[in-house]
Structures are given as structure tokens and as C-alpha cells.
Amino acid sequence: MARDPHLPHLPRAALIDAYGKGGFRFAGMAHRGSLLCLPNGIWAASVVTAADISEEALAPVFANSAAIDYCLIGAGASATVLPEPLRVRFRECGIAVGYGFCELHRGTHYNTFALVGPDGLLGLQRKVHASDDEFFRFRQAYEWSVVDLGFCTVGTAICHDSDFFESWRILAVKGAELVLLPHANRTMPAGGGALTFDGRGRQVPEEELLRAQQELLEARPDPPRLHDVMARDNGVYAVFSDQVGFDGHSSHVGGAYVLAPDGSLLARSEIGTGNGWICADLDPALLQRARENPWFALRKRRPEAYEELTARL
């Protein structure tokens, strides 16, 4: 029997249990093809390539726009810019969209993350700390951007930027309540400078990739993830998402998670090598409690004592 396109595949929100090879498993069900994961349910989507992403294909998104603040669109291995009419439609619904791209600015290139909201471009964050292979490809930026989305204030630390406590601290000082952490993670560091995973310049077996992902997504790793510590010390929510699989040159770990302002794990993706999604409610009361704690570091800062932090080694 044909499925009614006006009804969801599953009439409630659910976590994705597994994904890959063009399909998804969730709530004891399976689906091959694209999905729309919305607050009111899981919808089948008639999208095969990025060119199929249209207003008609995203009709359930716009119909439920009042319950959606932020929409993430996975378009496959290639960077994609949504057509202008579709971007206008998102703006009309008040949904913010974030994406990374290679930006040509003043005759040079930057690794850049953009936030687009109801009135168009909200802000750009250019990567400040270049990874080893980026020094001869991208220029390093010097500025940090914080964007007020209306429902929260957002900063971005792109990949290697999130390894520096200064990145988190300056975003928090500038008012960030949520820090986005877009990644293309090819290594997993261990103590003593060793690596538990190294996908640079090679295609790793799937089993090795999944083991690294399992390590990344542990609920309470020991020692804790650097991001757990940084989210707690700066009293911010943090959203991590990573490219997954082999890109023709290197292998990326993949995975996604959401951290609370106390560093605890709110949500995480399931282990797998396909595209996926996670969602979490970011409670402002939890943010307030973390920042009212008398031991919250930002309440006791003494900038006048930190002059040496800006000195060159």
C-alpha cells in the first residue's frame, strides 16, 4: 500500500539507532532513502541528490517551523548552496541554518562557518588556528564572532580552534551561551603525544573507524573530553559535529554530541559511518544555574593578571 505523503513515517520524534549505506534504523523500524527528522515525527523525503532539495521536499519542515529554531541540512560529500528562493523561505519561517565553506575574501581563502537567519547572513566565523595541512591553503583569522539568534547567543570554534582554551574563553566573555564545534577530525590524541586514531592520508578500515567513534562518544570518558572541560569551565552549551569517512585523501572519525554547561553529555549520535542527526533541548535554567555557581570561573576572572597570556613565546 502506498504511503500517504502528508503523514509522517513515524508520528513522534525518535533517535536514529543506526545509519549507513543509504538507510536508517529508528524505533524498531528501517527506512532506505532520505529522512526529515522533525519535532512532530520522522518523515520520508523524496531527496536523492542535493539538487532535489526543494520547498516541496521540505514542506513538513516549513509546516512545523514554529517548533524549529535551527535546521541542519546534510547534502552529501559536496558543498552545496541552497537556491535563493529556498533561503528566503527559511528566513520567512525564522529558522537559522549553519554551514561551513571555503571563503574567498580580499584575495585569499579562509576556512569559514556561516550562520544564516530570517533576515539573511547573521555572521561569519573564520578559522583562527590553522591545522598542519592548512598553512599553505588558508589564511588564519584574528577575530571572534558572537551572534544573537534571539533565543540564544552563539559562537563558533572551528575544528582545531576548539583545542585552545583561549578560543572558548573569549567567546564566553563576548557573551556566547552556545558554542558550535564543526569538525573534520582525522586524529584521536592520547596521553604522551600518542594517537589512538590517525586517518591522515589514508583510508582506514571501517572497524578501526568505528572503534575511534566509540571512544569519542563515550558518555563519561576518563579522562574527560577536552570539550567537556571547556564547556563546564566557560558555562556554555556545546554542539560538536564531525565529518565522517574517507574524503579521497584522509579518513574522518565522525560522530556528534551536545554538552551541557556543566560538561555533561545531553545527546550523542549512534555509532555508524553514514550521515545522521541528533537533537536536544537547551534549557536556559540549566545555563543560569551553572553561571550562578559561586565557583564559576568567569565570575572570578582577573584580566589585569593575564597580560602574559598575549605575549609571544
Protein backbone atom coordinates (compact mmCIF):
# COMPACT_ATOMS: atom_id res chain seq x y z
CA MET A 1 0.00 0.00 0.00
CA ALA A 2 1.35 3.44 -0.93
CA ARG A 3 2.36 5.69 1.98
CA ASP A 4 0.42 8.94 2.41
CA PRO A 5 3.00 11.73 1.77
CA HIS A 6 1.02 14.00 4.13
CA LEU A 7 1.67 11.70 7.11
CA PRO A 8 4.99 11.05 8.89
CA HIS A 9 6.80 7.72 8.65
CA LEU A 10 6.76 7.72 12.46
CA PRO A 11 4.37 10.16 14.26
CA ARG A 12 6.83 11.15 17.01
CA ALA A 13 10.44 12.21 17.41
CA ALA A 14 12.97 9.39 17.80
CA LEU A 15 16.71 8.83 17.92
CA ILE A 16 18.44 7.33 14.91
CA ASP A 17 19.75 3.94 16.08
CA ALA A 18 21.90 3.23 13.02
CA TYR A 19 22.56 4.65 9.58
CA GLY A 20 24.70 4.00 6.54
CA LYS A 21 24.59 2.51 3.04
CA GLY A 22 21.65 4.73 2.15
CA GLY A 23 19.38 3.71 5.02
CA PHE A 24 18.35 4.44 8.61
CA ARG A 25 17.10 2.43 11.59
CA PHE A 26 14.99 4.04 14.30
CA ALA A 27 12.31 2.99 16.81
CA GLY A 28 12.49 -0.63 15.63
CA MET A 29 11.88 0.45 12.03
CA ALA A 30 14.02 0.74 8.91
CA HIS A 31 13.93 3.20 6.01
CA ARG A 32 16.00 3.41 2.84
CA GLY A 33 16.44 6.91 1.46
CA SER A 34 16.39 10.41 2.91
CA LEU A 35 14.61 11.46 6.10
CA LEU A 36 13.30 14.63 7.68
CA CYS A 37 13.69 14.38 11.47
CA LEU A 38 11.28 16.89 12.99
CA PRO A 39 9.74 17.55 16.43
CA ASN A 40 6.43 16.01 15.32
CA GLY A 41 7.88 12.86 13.75
CA ILE A 42 10.15 11.20 11.22
CA TRP A 43 9.21 11.90 7.62
CA ALA A 44 10.32 10.17 4.44
CA ALA A 45 11.87 12.63 1.96
CA SER A 46 11.99 12.25 -1.81
CA VAL A 47 15.56 13.56 -1.98
CA VAL A 48 18.32 11.60 -3.73
CA THR A 49 20.78 14.37 -4.58
CA ALA A 50 21.30 17.94 -3.37
CA ALA A 51 19.51 19.15 -6.50
CA ASP A 52 16.32 17.52 -5.16
CA ILE A 53 16.24 19.75 -2.05
CA SER A 54 13.24 21.93 -2.80
CA GLU A 55 10.43 23.71 -0.99
CA GLU A 56 8.13 20.83 -1.87
CA ALA A 57 10.57 18.27 -0.46
CA LEU A 58 10.90 20.33 2.74
CA ALA A 59 7.18 21.03 3.10
CA PRO A 60 6.95 19.25 6.52
CA VAL A 61 9.81 21.45 7.79
CA PHE A 62 8.01 24.67 6.90
CA ALA A 63 4.69 23.33 8.21
CA ASN A 64 6.34 22.79 11.61
CA SER A 65 8.57 25.87 11.57
CA ALA A 66 7.06 27.25 14.80
CA ALA A 67 8.70 24.36 16.69
CA ILE A 68 12.06 24.58 14.88
CA ASP A 69 14.82 27.03 15.76
CA TYR A 70 17.79 25.53 13.92
CA CYS A 71 17.81 23.35 10.80
CA LEU A 72 20.83 21.31 9.66
CA ILE A 73 20.75 20.01 6.10
CA GLY A 74 23.06 17.16 5.09
CA ALA A 75 23.78 17.40 1.37
CA GLY A 76 26.32 14.60 0.91
CA ALA A 77 30.02 14.77 0.12
CA SER A 78 29.97 18.02 -1.87
CA ALA A 79 29.44 21.55 -0.59
CA THR A 80 26.01 22.85 -1.59
CA VAL A 81 24.42 26.30 -1.56
CA LEU A 82 20.64 26.28 -1.27
CA PRO A 83 18.83 28.19 -4.02
CA GLU A 84 17.80 31.74 -3.13
CA PRO A 85 14.00 31.06 -3.10
CA LEU A 86 14.58 28.30 -0.54
CA ARG A 87 16.80 30.52 1.61
CA VAL A 88 14.06 33.17 1.51
CA ARG A 89 11.54 30.57 2.68
CA PHE A 90 13.73 29.65 5.66
CA ARG A 91 14.09 33.32 6.52
CA GLU A 92 10.32 33.76 6.49
CA CYS A 93 9.98 30.90 8.99
CA GLY A 94 12.61 32.22 11.39
CA ILE A 95 14.90 29.17 11.12
CA ALA A 96 18.67 29.59 11.44
CA VAL A 97 20.99 27.47 9.30
CA GLY A 98 24.74 26.95 9.79
CA TYR A 99 27.26 25.65 7.26
CA GLY A 100 31.00 25.64 6.57
CA PHE A 101 32.63 26.65 3.31
CA CYS A 102 35.85 27.82 1.65
CA GLU A 103 35.54 31.61 1.60
CA LEU A 104 37.35 33.87 -0.87
CA HIS A 105 37.83 37.18 0.94
CA ARG A 106 40.10 40.04 -0.12
CA GLY A 107 42.10 37.87 -2.48
CA THR A 108 42.76 34.99 -0.09
CA HIS A 109 40.93 31.95 1.26
CA TYR A 110 39.57 31.22 4.74
CA ASN A 111 38.05 28.16 6.37
CA THR A 112 34.75 29.79 7.33
CA PHE A 113 31.49 28.92 9.08
CA ALA A 114 28.36 30.95 8.30
CA LEU A 115 25.14 31.42 10.23
CA VAL A 116 22.10 32.44 8.19
CA GLY A 117 18.87 33.54 9.86
CA PRO A 118 15.48 35.02 8.99
CA ASP A 119 16.99 38.25 7.64
CA GLY A 120 19.90 36.67 5.77
CA LEU A 121 23.52 36.36 6.87
CA LEU A 122 23.88 36.67 10.65
CA GLY A 123 27.62 36.25 10.96
CA LEU A 124 30.82 34.58 9.81
CA GLN A 125 33.50 32.90 11.87
CA ARG A 126 36.81 32.42 10.11
CA LYS A 127 39.14 29.77 11.50
CA VAL A 128 41.83 31.30 13.71
CA HIS A 129 44.21 28.36 14.27
CA ALA A 130 45.29 26.55 11.11
CA SER A 131 45.76 22.79 11.19
CA ASP A 132 49.07 21.40 9.92
CA ASP A 133 47.84 20.92 6.35
CA GLU A 134 46.10 24.32 6.17
CA PHE A 135 49.02 26.74 6.48
CA PHE A 136 49.59 26.88 2.71
CA ARG A 137 45.87 26.77 1.83
CA PHE A 138 44.03 29.08 4.22
CA ARG A 139 44.87 32.33 5.92
CA GLN A 140 44.41 32.43 9.70
CA ALA A 141 41.87 34.91 11.03
CA TYR A 142 42.19 37.16 14.10
CA GLU A 143 38.60 38.00 15.04
CA TRP A 144 35.96 36.13 17.03
CA SER A 145 32.28 36.49 16.21
CA VAL A 146 29.28 36.02 18.51
CA VAL A 147 25.76 36.06 17.04
CA ASP A 148 22.48 36.72 18.86
CA LEU A 149 19.86 34.37 17.38
CA GLY A 150 17.10 35.76 19.58
CA PHE A 151 16.68 32.54 21.57
CA CYS A 152 20.40 32.21 22.40
CA THR A 153 23.80 33.78 21.69
CA VAL A 154 26.11 31.62 19.58
CA GLY A 155 29.84 31.46 18.99
CA THR A 156 31.80 29.04 16.80
CA ALA A 157 35.14 27.30 17.32
CA ILE A 158 36.09 25.58 14.06
CA CYS A 159 37.85 22.23 14.47
CA HIS A 160 41.42 22.96 15.76
CA ASP A 161 40.20 26.26 17.27
CA SER A 162 38.38 24.24 19.94
CA ASP A 163 41.70 22.80 21.19
CA PHE A 164 42.66 26.20 22.65
CA PHE A 165 41.16 27.32 25.95
CA GLU A 166 41.56 30.92 24.75
CA SER A 167 39.02 30.27 21.98
CA TRP A 168 36.35 29.16 24.42
CA ARG A 169 37.12 31.87 26.95
CA ILE A 170 36.95 34.77 24.52
CA LEU A 171 33.65 33.50 23.08
CA ALA A 172 32.22 33.19 26.60
CA VAL A 173 33.49 36.64 27.57
CA LYS A 174 31.84 38.05 24.43
CA GLY A 175 28.51 36.57 25.59
CA ALA A 176 28.26 33.15 23.92
CA GLU A 177 25.76 30.78 25.55
CA LEU A 178 26.20 28.08 22.90
CA VAL A 179 29.46 27.17 21.15
CA LEU A 180 29.23 25.34 17.82
CA LEU A 181 32.10 22.93 17.10
CA PRO A 182 32.12 21.97 13.39
CA HIS A 183 34.92 19.46 12.77
CA ALA A 184 36.78 17.44 10.15
CA ASN A 185 38.54 15.29 12.73
CA ARG A 186 41.24 12.94 11.43
CA THR A 187 43.09 12.10 14.67
CA MET A 188 42.33 11.00 18.23
CA PRO A 189 45.05 12.08 20.68
CA ALA A 190 46.05 10.05 23.73
CA GLY A 191 48.39 10.80 26.60
CA GLY A 192 52.06 11.44 25.96
CA GLY A 193 51.51 12.72 22.44
CA ALA A 194 50.40 9.34 21.06
CA LEU A 195 47.37 8.86 18.81
CA THR A 196 44.66 6.23 19.25
CA PHE A 197 43.47 7.00 15.71
CA ASP A 198 45.25 8.54 12.74
CA GLY A 199 43.30 8.85 9.50
CA ARG A 200 45.62 11.35 7.81
CA GLY A 201 46.44 10.48 4.22
CA ARG A 202 44.81 7.04 4.24
CA GLN A 203 41.56 5.16 4.05
CA VAL A 204 41.12 3.20 7.27
CA PRO A 205 39.09 0.01 7.67
CA GLU A 206 35.54 0.55 8.89
CA GLU A 207 36.22 -1.40 12.10
CA GLU A 208 39.04 0.98 13.02
CA LEU A 209 36.85 4.00 12.31
CA LEU A 210 34.03 2.67 14.48
CA ARG A 211 36.40 1.94 17.38
CA ALA A 212 37.59 5.57 17.27
CA GLN A 213 33.99 6.78 17.17
CA GLN A 214 33.15 4.61 20.17
CA GLU A 215 35.99 6.26 22.09
CA LEU A 216 34.88 9.74 21.03
CA LEU A 217 31.27 9.23 22.06
CA GLU A 218 31.75 7.64 25.49
CA ALA A 219 29.20 9.04 27.93
CA ARG A 220 31.75 9.68 30.70
CA PRO A 221 35.27 9.19 29.32
CA ASP A 222 38.22 9.01 31.72
CA PRO A 223 39.97 11.35 31.37
CA PRO A 224 37.10 13.61 30.24
CA ARG A 225 36.97 15.03 26.75
CA LEU A 226 38.62 18.43 26.37
CA HIS A 227 35.28 19.79 25.18
CA ASP A 228 33.58 18.55 28.39
CA VAL A 229 36.04 20.54 30.49
CA MET A 230 35.82 23.66 28.32
CA ALA A 231 32.00 23.68 28.31
CA ARG A 232 31.96 23.40 32.12
CA ASP A 233 34.68 25.98 32.77
CA ASN A 234 33.02 28.53 30.50
CA GLY A 235 29.39 27.75 31.40
CA VAL A 236 28.22 27.16 27.81
CA TYR A 237 26.30 24.60 25.83
CA ALA A 238 28.43 23.00 23.11
CA VAL A 239 27.40 21.19 19.91
CA PHE A 240 30.03 19.01 18.21
CA SER A 241 29.60 17.55 14.72
CA ASP A 242 32.24 15.81 12.64
CA GLN A 243 32.67 14.79 9.03
CA VAL A 244 32.68 11.00 8.70
CA GLY A 245 34.54 8.57 6.45
CA PHE A 246 37.08 8.84 3.66
CA ASP A 247 37.10 12.06 1.60
CA GLY A 248 39.54 10.89 -1.07
CA HIS A 249 42.58 11.92 0.95
CA SER A 250 42.02 11.23 4.67
CA SER A 251 39.60 9.39 6.95
CA HIS A 252 37.45 11.30 9.43
CA VAL A 253 36.16 9.88 12.71
CA GLY A 254 32.58 11.20 12.53
CA GLY A 255 30.06 11.47 15.34
CA ALA A 256 28.13 14.27 17.04
CA TYR A 257 27.23 15.24 20.59
CA VAL A 258 25.66 18.01 22.67
CA LEU A 259 27.18 19.09 26.01
CA ALA A 260 25.51 20.91 28.88
CA PRO A 261 27.06 23.91 30.70
CA ASP A 262 28.24 21.54 33.46
CA GLY A 263 30.13 19.41 30.90
CA SER A 264 27.66 16.52 30.98
CA LEU A 265 26.51 14.76 27.81
CA LEU A 266 22.97 15.66 26.71
CA ALA A 267 22.82 13.79 23.40
CA ARG A 268 25.10 11.83 21.10
CA SER A 269 24.87 10.15 17.74
CA GLU A 270 24.79 6.41 17.30
CA ILE A 271 27.92 4.64 16.08
CA GLY A 272 27.99 4.45 12.28
CA THR A 273 29.58 5.61 9.04
CA GLY A 274 26.60 7.31 7.40
CA ASN A 275 25.04 10.74 7.77
CA GLY A 276 22.87 11.18 10.85
CA TRP A 277 21.32 13.69 13.22
CA ILE A 278 20.80 14.35 16.92
CA CYS A 279 18.63 16.82 18.81
CA ALA A 280 18.49 18.19 22.34
CA ASP A 281 16.54 20.83 24.26
CA LEU A 282 18.86 23.53 25.63
CA ASP A 283 17.28 24.61 28.92
CA PRO A 284 18.12 28.24 29.84
CA ALA A 285 17.56 27.39 33.52
CA LEU A 286 20.50 24.95 33.43
CA LEU A 287 22.68 27.66 31.89
CA GLN A 288 21.61 30.09 34.62
CA ARG A 289 22.36 27.61 37.42
CA ALA A 290 25.83 26.93 36.04
CA ARG A 291 26.64 30.62 35.87
CA GLU A 292 25.23 31.41 39.32
CA ASN A 293 27.54 28.86 40.92
CA PRO A 294 29.92 30.81 43.21
CA TRP A 295 32.84 28.80 41.80
CA PHE A 296 32.02 29.65 38.18
CA ALA A 297 35.36 30.78 36.72
CA LEU A 298 34.09 33.76 34.72
CA ARG A 299 32.75 35.35 37.93
CA LYS A 300 36.25 35.43 39.43
CA ARG A 301 38.43 36.39 36.47
CA ARG A 302 41.23 38.94 36.95
CA PRO A 303 42.17 40.11 33.42
CA GLU A 304 44.76 42.51 34.83
CA ALA A 305 46.82 39.48 35.90
CA TYR A 306 46.75 37.77 32.48
CA GLU A 307 48.96 40.07 30.41
CA GLU A 308 51.50 37.31 29.77
CA LEU A 309 48.88 35.22 28.00
CA THR A 310 49.11 37.54 24.98
CA ALA A 311 52.92 37.54 24.89
CA ARG A 312 54.63 35.65 22.09
CA LEU A 313 56.79 32.70 23.12
